[in-house]
Amino acid sequence: MSRFSCPYLQEEVELTEERERHIAERHPDLLPEHRERIAETLADPDQVRKSARFGSAKLFSRWYTDLREGKHVVVVVVSEREPHARHWIITAYMARKLAPGDMEWERN
């Protein structure tokens, strides 16, 4: 398991081996080549949205001009507060446009 710093959540975010395999299989344009972009997106996102599909999930996104002529890296994080705080990545992908979701935070 890997852990990434996430100042927005003020916690670390987990990436299990199973979820990493899922991302590599479903989104091979992101993993394994651009693994560091996941860490960068969590550490310094352009915006954070509440997921429209999963109530407890947040979509962290960051725009990269050097990825395939410009793409967002989106990292989807689920949080659990009880019985103790835990945050983990369920998926991550590249996108030209962002999925809908209520804006929670945006870089000025």
PDB file of N, CA and C in Angstrom:
ATOM      1  N   MET A   1       0.835  -1.174   0.000  1.00  0.00           N
ATOM      2  CA  MET A   1       0.000   0.000   0.000  1.00  0.00           C
ATOM      3  C   MET A   1       0.882   1.240   0.000  1.00  0.00           C
ATOM      4  N   SER A   2       0.415   2.231  -0.754  1.00  0.00           N
ATOM      5  CA  SER A   2       1.094   3.533  -0.791  1.00  0.00           C
ATOM      6  C   SER A   2       0.243   4.555  -0.055  1.00  0.00           C
ATOM      7  N   ARG A   3       0.900   5.579   0.437  1.00  0.00           N
ATOM      8  CA  ARG A   3       0.198   6.675   1.110  1.00  0.00           C
ATOM      9  C   ARG A   3       0.677   7.988   0.504  1.00  0.00           C
ATOM     10  N   PHE A   4      -0.284   8.903   0.313  1.00  0.00           N
ATOM     11  CA  PHE A   4       0.011  10.202  -0.267  1.00  0.00           C
ATOM     12  C   PHE A   4      -0.474  11.296   0.668  1.00  0.00           C
ATOM     13  N   SER A   5       0.296  12.348   0.776  1.00  0.00           N
ATOM     14  CA  SER A   5      -0.078  13.495   1.586  1.00  0.00           C
ATOM     15  C   SER A   5      -1.228  14.243   0.910  1.00  0.00           C
ATOM     16  N   CYS A   6      -2.195  14.667   1.727  1.00  0.00           N
ATOM     17  CA  CYS A   6      -3.318  15.437   1.199  1.00  0.00           C
ATOM     18  C   CYS A   6      -3.632  16.567   2.179  1.00  0.00           C
ATOM     19  N   PRO A   7      -3.009  17.729   1.986  1.00  0.00           N
ATOM     20  CA  PRO A   7      -3.242  18.857   2.896  1.00  0.00           C
ATOM     21  C   PRO A   7      -4.716  19.255   2.997  1.00  0.00           C
ATOM     22  N   TYR A   8      -5.474  19.123   1.913  1.00  0.00           N
ATOM     23  CA  TYR A   8      -6.887  19.493   1.946  1.00  0.00           C
ATOM     24  C   TYR A   8      -7.637  18.676   2.998  1.00  0.00           C
ATOM     25  N   LEU A   9      -7.371  17.382   3.072  1.00  0.00           N
ATOM     26  CA  LEU A   9      -8.022  16.512   4.058  1.00  0.00           C
ATOM     27  C   LEU A   9      -7.285  16.516   5.394  1.00  0.00           C
ATOM     28  N   GLN A  10      -6.104  17.091   5.404  1.00  0.00           N
ATOM     29  CA  GLN A  10      -5.233  17.105   6.587  1.00  0.00           C
ATOM     30  C   GLN A  10      -4.948  15.683   7.076  1.00  0.00           C
ATOM     31  N   GLU A  11      -4.810  14.783   6.127  1.00  0.00           N
ATOM     32  CA  GLU A  11      -4.549  13.366   6.403  1.00  0.00           C
ATOM     33  C   GLU A  11      -3.789  12.785   5.223  1.00  0.00           C
ATOM     34  N   GLU A  12      -3.350  11.564   5.388  1.00  0.00           N
ATOM     35  CA  GLU A  12      -2.797  10.815   4.271  1.00  0.00           C
ATOM     36  C   GLU A  12      -3.914  10.053   3.585  1.00  0.00           C
ATOM     37  N   VAL A  13      -3.720   9.796   2.296  1.00  0.00           N
ATOM     38  CA  VAL A  13      -4.681   9.043   1.504  1.00  0.00           C
ATOM     39  C   VAL A  13      -4.009   7.746   1.060  1.00  0.00           C
ATOM     40  N   GLU A  14      -4.722   6.638   1.214  1.00  0.00           N
ATOM     41  CA  GLU A  14      -4.188   5.318   0.883  1.00  0.00           C
ATOM     42  C   GLU A  14      -4.472   4.958  -0.577  1.00  0.00           C
ATOM     43  N   LEU A  15      -3.523   4.254  -1.163  1.00  0.00           N
ATOM     44  CA  LEU A  15      -3.725   3.613  -2.455  1.00  0.00           C
ATOM     45  C   LEU A  15      -3.334   2.158  -2.270  1.00  0.00           C
ATOM     46  N   THR A  16      -4.341   1.281  -2.187  1.00  0.00           N
ATOM     47  CA  THR A  16      -4.072  -0.143  -1.982  1.00  0.00           C
ATOM     48  C   THR A  16      -3.552  -0.758  -3.278  1.00  0.00           C
ATOM     49  N   GLU A  17      -2.911  -1.894  -3.149  1.00  0.00           N
ATOM     50  CA  GLU A  17      -2.409  -2.591  -4.335  1.00  0.00           C
ATOM     51  C   GLU A  17      -3.556  -2.970  -5.264  1.00  0.00           C
ATOM     52  N   GLU A  18      -4.689  -3.359  -4.696  1.00  0.00           N
ATOM     53  CA  GLU A  18      -5.852  -3.746  -5.510  1.00  0.00           C
ATOM     54  C   GLU A  18      -6.360  -2.557  -6.320  1.00  0.00           C
ATOM     55  N   ARG A  19      -6.463  -1.385  -5.697  1.00  0.00           N
ATOM     56  CA  ARG A  19      -6.940  -0.191  -6.400  1.00  0.00           C
ATOM     57  C   ARG A  19      -5.912   0.280  -7.428  1.00  0.00           C
ATOM     58  N   GLU A  20      -4.630   0.118  -7.116  1.00  0.00           N
ATOM     59  CA  GLU A  20      -3.589   0.482  -8.077  1.00  0.00           C
ATOM     60  C   GLU A  20      -3.676  -0.408  -9.314  1.00  0.00           C
ATOM     61  N   ARG A  21      -3.916  -1.708  -9.114  1.00  0.00           N
ATOM     62  CA  ARG A  21      -4.102  -2.622 -10.251  1.00  0.00           C
ATOM     63  C   ARG A  21      -5.325  -2.217 -11.067  1.00  0.00           C
ATOM     64  N   HIS A  22      -6.406  -1.876 -10.374  1.00  0.00           N
ATOM     65  CA  HIS A  22      -7.634  -1.435 -11.054  1.00  0.00           C
ATOM     66  C   HIS A  22      -7.342  -0.233 -11.955  1.00  0.00           C
ATOM     67  N   ILE A  23      -6.668   0.772 -11.424  1.00  0.00           N
ATOM     68  CA  ILE A  23      -6.360   1.975 -12.192  1.00  0.00           C
ATOM     69  C   ILE A  23      -5.462   1.630 -13.380  1.00  0.00           C
ATOM     70  N   ALA A  24      -4.450   0.809 -13.155  1.00  0.00           N
ATOM     71  CA  ALA A  24      -3.529   0.434 -14.234  1.00  0.00           C
ATOM     72  C   ALA A  24      -4.246  -0.327 -15.345  1.00  0.00           C
ATOM     73  N   GLU A  25      -5.221  -1.165 -14.969  1.00  0.00           N
ATOM     74  CA  GLU A  25      -5.969  -1.944 -15.966  1.00  0.00           C
ATOM     75  C   GLU A  25      -6.995  -1.093 -16.698  1.00  0.00           C
ATOM     76  N   ARG A  26      -7.716  -0.264 -15.962  1.00  0.00           N
ATOM     77  CA  ARG A  26      -8.799   0.525 -16.552  1.00  0.00           C
ATOM     78  C   ARG A  26      -8.327   1.837 -17.164  1.00  0.00           C
ATOM     79  N   HIS A  27      -7.227   2.370 -16.662  1.00  0.00           N
ATOM     80  CA  HIS A  27      -6.728   3.678 -17.107  1.00  0.00           C
ATOM     81  C   HIS A  27      -5.216   3.610 -17.340  1.00  0.00           C
ATOM     82  N   PRO A  28      -4.795   2.758 -18.285  1.00  0.00           N
ATOM     83  CA  PRO A  28      -3.354   2.564 -18.511  1.00  0.00           C
ATOM     84  C   PRO A  28      -2.638   3.813 -19.019  1.00  0.00           C
ATOM     85  N   ASP A  29      -3.404   4.821 -19.458  1.00  0.00           N
ATOM     86  CA  ASP A  29      -2.771   6.083 -19.851  1.00  0.00           C
ATOM     87  C   ASP A  29      -2.236   6.836 -18.634  1.00  0.00           C
ATOM     88  N   LEU A  30      -2.741   6.508 -17.430  1.00  0.00           N
ATOM     89  CA  LEU A  30      -2.295   7.176 -16.199  1.00  0.00           C
ATOM     90  C   LEU A  30      -1.236   6.358 -15.465  1.00  0.00           C
ATOM     91  N   LEU A  31      -1.533   5.103 -15.237  1.00  0.00           N
ATOM     92  CA  LEU A  31      -0.586   4.239 -14.506  1.00  0.00           C
ATOM     93  C   LEU A  31      -0.043   3.159 -15.409  1.00  0.00           C
ATOM     94  N   PRO A  32       1.216   2.845 -15.266  1.00  0.00           N
ATOM     95  CA  PRO A  32       2.146   3.270 -14.222  1.00  0.00           C
ATOM     96  C   PRO A  32       2.944   4.532 -14.558  1.00  0.00           C
ATOM     97  N   GLU A  33       2.900   4.984 -15.804  1.00  0.00           N
ATOM     98  CA  GLU A  33       3.785   6.061 -16.254  1.00  0.00           C
ATOM     99  C   GLU A  33       3.648   7.370 -15.469  1.00  0.00           C
ATOM    100  N   HIS A  34       2.436   7.743 -15.100  1.00  0.00           N
ATOM    101  CA  HIS A  34       2.224   9.057 -14.483  1.00  0.00           C
ATOM    102  C   HIS A  34       1.808   8.948 -13.019  1.00  0.00           C
ATOM    103  N   ARG A  35       2.352   7.993 -12.311  1.00  0.00           N
ATOM    104  CA  ARG A  35       2.000   7.771 -10.904  1.00  0.00           C
ATOM    105  C   ARG A  35       2.220   9.022 -10.049  1.00  0.00           C
ATOM    106  N   GLU A  36       3.281   9.763 -10.345  1.00  0.00           N
ATOM    107  CA  GLU A  36       3.584  10.959  -9.550  1.00  0.00           C
ATOM    108  C   GLU A  36       2.493  12.023  -9.691  1.00  0.00           C
ATOM    109  N   ARG A  37       1.716  11.974 -10.778  1.00  0.00           N
ATOM    110  CA  ARG A  37       0.643  12.957 -10.973  1.00  0.00           C
ATOM    111  C   ARG A  37      -0.488  12.738  -9.965  1.00  0.00           C
ATOM    112  N   ILE A  38      -0.673  11.512  -9.517  1.00  0.00           N
ATOM    113  CA  ILE A  38      -1.670  11.234  -8.480  1.00  0.00           C
ATOM    114  C   ILE A  38      -1.253  11.949  -7.197  1.00  0.00           C
ATOM    115  N   ALA A  39       0.010  11.789  -6.827  1.00  0.00           N
ATOM    116  CA  ALA A  39       0.522  12.449  -5.619  1.00  0.00           C
ATOM    117  C   ALA A  39       0.420  13.967  -5.738  1.00  0.00           C
ATOM    118  N   GLU A  40       0.784  14.524  -6.887  1.00  0.00           N
ATOM    119  CA  GLU A  40       0.724  15.974  -7.094  1.00  0.00           C
ATOM    120  C   GLU A  40      -0.713  16.494  -7.019  1.00  0.00           C
ATOM    121  N   THR A  41      -1.640  15.738  -7.594  1.00  0.00           N
ATOM    122  CA  THR A  41      -3.045  16.155  -7.603  1.00  0.00           C
ATOM    123  C   THR A  41      -3.607  16.189  -6.187  1.00  0.00           C
ATOM    124  N   LEU A  42      -3.266  15.208  -5.366  1.00  0.00           N
ATOM    125  CA  LEU A  42      -3.733  15.200  -3.978  1.00  0.00           C
ATOM    126  C   LEU A  42      -3.054  16.278  -3.147  1.00  0.00           C
ATOM    127  N   ALA A  43      -1.793  16.525  -3.412  1.00  0.00           N
ATOM    128  CA  ALA A  43      -1.034  17.507  -2.638  1.00  0.00           C
ATOM    129  C   ALA A  43      -1.392  18.948  -2.998  1.00  0.00           C
ATOM    130  N   ASP A  44      -1.740  19.181  -4.273  1.00  0.00           N
ATOM    131  CA  ASP A  44      -1.961  20.549  -4.737  1.00  0.00           C
ATOM    132  C   ASP A  44      -3.005  20.575  -5.859  1.00  0.00           C
ATOM    133  N   PRO A  45      -4.267  20.280  -5.533  1.00  0.00           N
ATOM    134  CA  PRO A  45      -5.309  20.223  -6.572  1.00  0.00           C
ATOM    135  C   PRO A  45      -5.709  21.606  -7.070  1.00  0.00           C
ATOM    136  N   ASP A  46      -6.277  21.645  -8.273  1.00  0.00           N
ATOM    137  CA  ASP A  46      -6.884  22.879  -8.783  1.00  0.00           C
ATOM    138  C   ASP A  46      -8.274  23.054  -8.191  1.00  0.00           C
ATOM    139  N   GLN A  47      -8.946  21.907  -7.979  1.00  0.00           N
ATOM    140  CA  GLN A  47     -10.266  21.958  -7.375  1.00  0.00           C
ATOM    141  C   GLN A  47     -10.634  20.629  -6.732  1.00  0.00           C
ATOM    142  N   VAL A  48     -11.606  20.726  -5.823  1.00  0.00           N
ATOM    143  CA  VAL A  48     -12.147  19.549  -5.152  1.00  0.00           C
ATOM    144  C   VAL A  48     -13.661  19.636  -5.284  1.00  0.00           C
ATOM    145  N   ARG A  49     -14.261  18.555  -5.799  1.00  0.00           N
ATOM    146  CA  ARG A  49     -15.714  18.489  -5.957  1.00  0.00           C
ATOM    147  C   ARG A  49     -16.272  17.319  -5.171  1.00  0.00           C
ATOM    148  N   LYS A  50     -17.520  17.452  -4.743  1.00  0.00           N
ATOM    149  CA  LYS A  50     -18.222  16.318  -4.163  1.00  0.00           C
ATOM    150  C   LYS A  50     -18.703  15.460  -5.324  1.00  0.00           C
ATOM    151  N   SER A  51     -18.545  14.168  -5.218  1.00  0.00           N
ATOM    152  CA  SER A  51     -18.971  13.270  -6.277  1.00  0.00           C
ATOM    153  C   SER A  51     -20.486  13.267  -6.410  1.00  0.00           C
ATOM    154  N   ALA A  52     -20.980  13.330  -7.643  1.00  0.00           N
ATOM    155  CA  ALA A  52     -22.416  13.232  -7.899  1.00  0.00           C
ATOM    156  C   ALA A  52     -22.877  11.780  -7.806  1.00  0.00           C
ATOM    157  N   ARG A  53     -21.945  10.834  -7.954  1.00  0.00           N
ATOM    158  CA  ARG A  53     -22.288   9.405  -7.948  1.00  0.00           C
ATOM    159  C   ARG A  53     -22.148   8.748  -6.594  1.00  0.00           C
ATOM    160  N   PHE A  54     -21.147   9.158  -5.827  1.00  0.00           N
ATOM    161  CA  PHE A  54     -20.873   8.518  -4.547  1.00  0.00           C
ATOM    162  C   PHE A  54     -20.851   9.588  -3.454  1.00  0.00           C
ATOM    163  N   GLY A  55     -21.772   9.518  -2.528  1.00  0.00           N
ATOM    164  CA  GLY A  55     -21.932  10.550  -1.517  1.00  0.00           C
ATOM    165  C   GLY A  55     -20.710  10.845  -0.675  1.00  0.00           C
ATOM    166  N   SER A  56     -19.934   9.828  -0.348  1.00  0.00           N
ATOM    167  CA  SER A  56     -18.783  10.046   0.528  1.00  0.00           C
ATOM    168  C   SER A  56     -17.485  10.277  -0.239  1.00  0.00           C
ATOM    169  N   ALA A  57     -17.575  10.439  -1.558  1.00  0.00           N
ATOM    170  CA  ALA A  57     -16.365  10.591  -2.374  1.00  0.00           C
ATOM    171  C   ALA A  57     -16.136  12.039  -2.779  1.00  0.00           C
ATOM    172  N   LYS A  58     -14.864  12.371  -2.914  1.00  0.00           N
ATOM    173  CA  LYS A  58     -14.446  13.679  -3.409  1.00  0.00           C
ATOM    174  C   LYS A  58     -13.584  13.463  -4.638  1.00  0.00           C
ATOM    175  N   LEU A  59     -13.736  14.358  -5.606  1.00  0.00           N
ATOM    176  CA  LEU A  59     -12.941  14.305  -6.827  1.00  0.00           C
ATOM    177  C   LEU A  59     -11.909  15.424  -6.774  1.00  0.00           C
ATOM    178  N   PHE A  60     -10.653  15.054  -6.650  1.00  0.00           N
ATOM    179  CA  PHE A  60      -9.545  15.998  -6.673  1.00  0.00           C
ATOM    180  C   PHE A  60      -9.064  16.074  -8.117  1.00  0.00           C
ATOM    181  N   SER A  61      -8.934  17.278  -8.652  1.00  0.00           N
ATOM    182  CA  SER A  61      -8.492  17.384 -10.040  1.00  0.00           C
ATOM    183  C   SER A  61      -7.419  18.455 -10.190  1.00  0.00           C
ATOM    184  N   ARG A  62      -6.589  18.206 -11.194  1.00  0.00           N
ATOM    185  CA  ARG A  62      -5.508  19.149 -11.517  1.00  0.00           C
ATOM    186  C   ARG A  62      -5.273  19.078 -13.019  1.00  0.00           C
ATOM    187  N   TRP A  63      -5.159  20.238 -13.658  1.00  0.00           N
ATOM    188  CA  TRP A  63      -4.947  20.336 -15.097  1.00  0.00           C
ATOM    189  C   TRP A  63      -3.455  20.267 -15.403  1.00  0.00           C
ATOM    190  N   TYR A  64      -3.106  19.459 -16.407  1.00  0.00           N
ATOM    191  CA  TYR A  64      -1.724  19.334 -16.872  1.00  0.00           C
ATOM    192  C   TYR A  64      -1.687  19.627 -18.371  1.00  0.00           C
ATOM    193  N   THR A  65      -0.987  20.665 -18.759  1.00  0.00           N
ATOM    194  CA  THR A  65      -0.894  21.012 -20.182  1.00  0.00           C
ATOM    195  C   THR A  65      -0.023  20.030 -20.944  1.00  0.00           C
ATOM    196  N   ASP A  66       0.873  19.334 -20.233  1.00  0.00           N
ATOM    197  CA  ASP A  66       1.814  18.434 -20.902  1.00  0.00           C
ATOM    198  C   ASP A  66       1.313  16.985 -21.007  1.00  0.00           C
ATOM    199  N   LEU A  67       0.100  16.705 -20.609  1.00  0.00           N
ATOM    200  CA  LEU A  67      -0.459  15.362 -20.753  1.00  0.00           C
ATOM    201  C   LEU A  67      -1.395  15.319 -21.949  1.00  0.00           C
ATOM    202  N   ARG A  68      -0.998  14.626 -22.986  1.00  0.00           N
ATOM    203  CA  ARG A  68      -1.857  14.425 -24.160  1.00  0.00           C
ATOM    204  C   ARG A  68      -2.553  15.699 -24.620  1.00  0.00           C
ATOM    205  N   GLU A  69      -1.767  16.739 -24.827  1.00  0.00           N
ATOM    206  CA  GLU A  69      -2.251  18.037 -25.297  1.00  0.00           C
ATOM    207  C   GLU A  69      -3.225  18.691 -24.319  1.00  0.00           C
ATOM    208  N   GLY A  70      -3.107  18.363 -23.049  1.00  0.00           N
ATOM    209  CA  GLY A  70      -3.910  18.966 -21.996  1.00  0.00           C
ATOM    210  C   GLY A  70      -4.985  18.037 -21.470  1.00  0.00           C
ATOM    211  N   LYS A  71      -4.819  17.617 -20.220  1.00  0.00           N
ATOM    212  CA  LYS A  71      -5.800  16.747 -19.560  1.00  0.00           C
ATOM    213  C   LYS A  71      -5.834  17.060 -18.069  1.00  0.00           C
ATOM    214  N   HIS A  72      -6.981  16.785 -17.473  1.00  0.00           N
ATOM    215  CA  HIS A  72      -7.107  16.807 -16.020  1.00  0.00           C
ATOM    216  C   HIS A  72      -6.700  15.436 -15.508  1.00  0.00           C
ATOM    217  N   VAL A  73      -6.020  15.395 -14.385  1.00  0.00           N
ATOM    218  CA  VAL A  73      -5.870  14.161 -13.635  1.00  0.00           C
ATOM    219  C   VAL A  73      -6.902  14.260 -12.520  1.00  0.00           C
ATOM    220  N   VAL A  74      -7.754  13.238 -12.422  1.00  0.00           N
ATOM    221  CA  VAL A  74      -8.812  13.202 -11.417  1.00  0.00           C
ATOM    222  C   VAL A  74      -8.540  12.030 -10.492  1.00  0.00           C
ATOM    223  N   VAL A  75      -8.521  12.291  -9.208  1.00  0.00           N
ATOM    224  CA  VAL A  75      -8.314  11.263  -8.194  1.00  0.00           C
ATOM    225  C   VAL A  75      -9.562  11.236  -7.318  1.00  0.00           C
ATOM    226  N   VAL A  76     -10.219  10.073  -7.261  1.00  0.00           N
ATOM    227  CA  VAL A  76     -11.458   9.937  -6.504  1.00  0.00           C
ATOM    228  C   VAL A  76     -11.136   9.303  -5.154  1.00  0.00           C
ATOM    229  N   VAL A  77     -11.454  10.034  -4.088  1.00  0.00           N
ATOM    230  CA  VAL A  77     -11.111   9.615  -2.735  1.00  0.00           C
ATOM    231  C   VAL A  77     -12.391   9.436  -1.911  1.00  0.00           C
ATOM    232  N   VAL A  78     -12.495   8.289  -1.253  1.00  0.00           N
ATOM    233  CA  VAL A  78     -13.596   8.018  -0.329  1.00  0.00           C
ATOM    234  C   VAL A  78     -13.072   8.215   1.079  1.00  0.00           C
ATOM    235  N   SER A  79     -13.895   8.843   1.915  1.00  0.00           N
ATOM    236  CA  SER A  79     -13.504   9.093   3.296  1.00  0.00           C
ATOM    237  C   SER A  79     -14.473   8.421   4.256  1.00  0.00           C
ATOM    238  N   GLU A  80     -13.906   7.961   5.335  1.00  0.00           N
ATOM    239  CA  GLU A  80     -14.669   7.324   6.398  1.00  0.00           C
ATOM    240  C   GLU A  80     -14.209   7.978   7.691  1.00  0.00           C
ATOM    241  N   ARG A  81     -15.108   8.473   8.478  1.00  0.00           N
ATOM    242  CA  ARG A  81     -14.738   9.166   9.720  1.00  0.00           C
ATOM    243  C   ARG A  81     -14.841   8.269  10.948  1.00  0.00           C
ATOM    244  N   GLU A  82     -15.733   7.310  10.933  1.00  0.00           N
ATOM    245  CA  GLU A  82     -15.952   6.436  12.087  1.00  0.00           C
ATOM    246  C   GLU A  82     -15.579   5.007  11.737  1.00  0.00           C
ATOM    247  N   PRO A  83     -14.977   4.242  12.569  1.00  0.00           N
ATOM    248  CA  PRO A  83     -14.588   4.567  13.935  1.00  0.00           C
ATOM    249  C   PRO A  83     -13.319   5.418  14.003  1.00  0.00           C
ATOM    250  N   HIS A  84     -12.570   5.525  12.894  1.00  0.00           N
ATOM    251  CA  HIS A  84     -11.405   6.413  12.843  1.00  0.00           C
ATOM    252  C   HIS A  84     -11.292   6.946  11.417  1.00  0.00           C
ATOM    253  N   ALA A  85     -10.624   8.061  11.267  1.00  0.00           N
ATOM    254  CA  ALA A  85     -10.498   8.674   9.942  1.00  0.00           C
ATOM    255  C   ALA A  85      -9.671   7.785   9.021  1.00  0.00           C
ATOM    256  N   ARG A  86     -10.221   7.569   7.827  1.00  0.00           N
ATOM    257  CA  ARG A  86      -9.514   6.809   6.796  1.00  0.00           C
ATOM    258  C   ARG A  86      -9.934   7.377   5.450  1.00  0.00           C
ATOM    259  N   HIS A  87      -8.968   7.573   4.563  1.00  0.00           N
ATOM    260  CA  HIS A  87      -9.226   8.099   3.227  1.00  0.00           C
ATOM    261  C   HIS A  87      -8.500   7.194   2.243  1.00  0.00           C
ATOM    262  N   TRP A  88      -9.188   6.770   1.189  1.00  0.00           N
ATOM    263  CA  TRP A  88      -8.533   5.902   0.224  1.00  0.00           C
ATOM    264  C   TRP A  88      -9.006   6.216  -1.191  1.00  0.00           C
ATOM    265  N   ILE A  89      -8.111   5.963  -2.132  1.00  0.00           N
ATOM    266  CA  ILE A  89      -8.382   6.209  -3.550  1.00  0.00           C
ATOM    267  C   ILE A  89      -9.165   5.025  -4.088  1.00  0.00           C
ATOM    268  N   ILE A  90     -10.309   5.312  -4.738  1.00  0.00           N
ATOM    269  CA  ILE A  90     -11.046   4.224  -5.378  1.00  0.00           C
ATOM    270  C   ILE A  90     -10.716   4.142  -6.861  1.00  0.00           C
ATOM    271  N   THR A  91     -10.390   5.284  -7.465  1.00  0.00           N
ATOM    272  CA  THR A  91      -9.937   5.278  -8.848  1.00  0.00           C
ATOM    273  C   THR A  91      -9.255   6.602  -9.161  1.00  0.00           C
ATOM    274  N   ALA A  92      -8.606   6.642 -10.297  1.00  0.00           N
ATOM    275  CA  ALA A  92      -7.972   7.861 -10.799  1.00  0.00           C
ATOM    276  C   ALA A  92      -7.918   7.725 -12.317  1.00  0.00           C
ATOM    277  N   TYR A  93      -8.014   8.856 -12.999  1.00  0.00           N
ATOM    278  CA  TYR A  93      -8.055   8.805 -14.460  1.00  0.00           C
ATOM    279  C   TYR A  93      -7.709  10.174 -15.029  1.00  0.00           C
ATOM    280  N   MET A  94      -7.507  10.206 -16.358  1.00  0.00           N
ATOM    281  CA  MET A  94      -7.303  11.461 -17.077  1.00  0.00           C
ATOM    282  C   MET A  94      -8.607  11.804 -17.783  1.00  0.00           C
ATOM    283  N   ALA A  95      -8.895  13.098 -17.889  1.00  0.00           N
ATOM    284  CA  ALA A  95     -10.127  13.527 -18.551  1.00  0.00           C
ATOM    285  C   ALA A  95      -9.924  14.879 -19.227  1.00  0.00           C
ATOM    286  N   ARG A  96     -10.577  15.043 -20.343  1.00  0.00           N
ATOM    287  CA  ARG A  96     -10.568  16.343 -21.023  1.00  0.00           C
ATOM    288  C   ARG A  96     -11.517  17.294 -20.301  1.00  0.00           C
ATOM    289  N   LYS A  97     -12.698  16.775 -19.883  1.00  0.00           N
ATOM    290  CA  LYS A  97     -13.685  17.564 -19.141  1.00  0.00           C
ATOM    291  C   LYS A  97     -13.932  16.902 -17.798  1.00  0.00           C
ATOM    292  N   LEU A  98     -14.325  17.700 -16.817  1.00  0.00           N
ATOM    293  CA  LEU A  98     -14.594  17.173 -15.483  1.00  0.00           C
ATOM    294  C   LEU A  98     -16.041  16.718 -15.356  1.00  0.00           C
ATOM    295  N   ALA A  99     -16.236  15.651 -14.594  1.00  0.00           N
ATOM    296  CA  ALA A  99     -17.573  15.135 -14.315  1.00  0.00           C
ATOM    297  C   ALA A  99     -18.312  16.126 -13.416  1.00  0.00           C
ATOM    298  N   PRO A 100     -19.646  16.082 -13.455  1.00  0.00           N
ATOM    299  CA  PRO A 100     -20.400  16.992 -12.587  1.00  0.00           C
ATOM    300  C   PRO A 100     -20.202  16.665 -11.113  1.00  0.00           C
ATOM    301  N   GLY A 101     -20.404  17.655 -10.306  1.00  0.00           N
ATOM    302  CA  GLY A 101     -20.275  17.519  -8.870  1.00  0.00           C
ATOM    303  C   GLY A 101     -20.245  18.898  -8.244  1.00  0.00           C
ATOM    304  N   ASP A 102     -20.728  19.003  -7.034  1.00  0.00           N
ATOM    305  CA  ASP A 102     -20.750  20.291  -6.352  1.00  0.00           C
ATOM    306  C   ASP A 102     -19.336  20.718  -5.985  1.00  0.00           C
ATOM    307  N   MET A 103     -18.998  21.943  -6.357  1.00  0.00           N
ATOM    308  CA  MET A 103     -17.681  22.495  -6.055  1.00  0.00           C
ATOM    309  C   MET A 103     -17.552  22.671  -4.541  1.00  0.00           C
ATOM    310  N   GLU A 104     -16.504  22.120  -3.998  1.00  0.00           N
ATOM    311  CA  GLU A 104     -16.247  22.254  -2.570  1.00  0.00           C
ATOM    312  C   GLU A 104     -15.117  23.247  -2.310  1.00  0.00           C
ATOM    313  N   TRP A 105     -14.140  23.263  -3.219  1.00  0.00           N
ATOM    314  CA  TRP A 105     -12.988  24.157  -3.091  1.00  0.00           C
ATOM    315  C   TRP A 105     -12.383  24.351  -4.473  1.00  0.00           C
ATOM    316  N   GLU A 106     -11.901  25.561  -4.739  1.00  0.00           N
ATOM    317  CA  GLU A 106     -11.230  25.843  -6.013  1.00  0.00           C
ATOM    318  C   GLU A 106     -10.092  26.802  -5.778  1.00  0.00           C
ATOM    319  N   ARG A 107      -8.968  26.542  -6.455  1.00  0.00           N
ATOM    320  CA  ARG A 107      -7.805  27.431  -6.366  1.00  0.00           C
ATOM    321  C   ARG A 107      -8.168  28.793  -6.945  1.00  0.00           C
ATOM    322  N   ASN A 108      -7.735  29.844  -6.276  1.00  0.00           N
ATOM    323  CA  ASN A 108      -8.006  31.205  -6.777  1.00  0.00           C
ATOM    324  C   ASN A 108      -7.074  31.558  -7.893  1.00  0.00           C
TER     325      ASN A 108
END
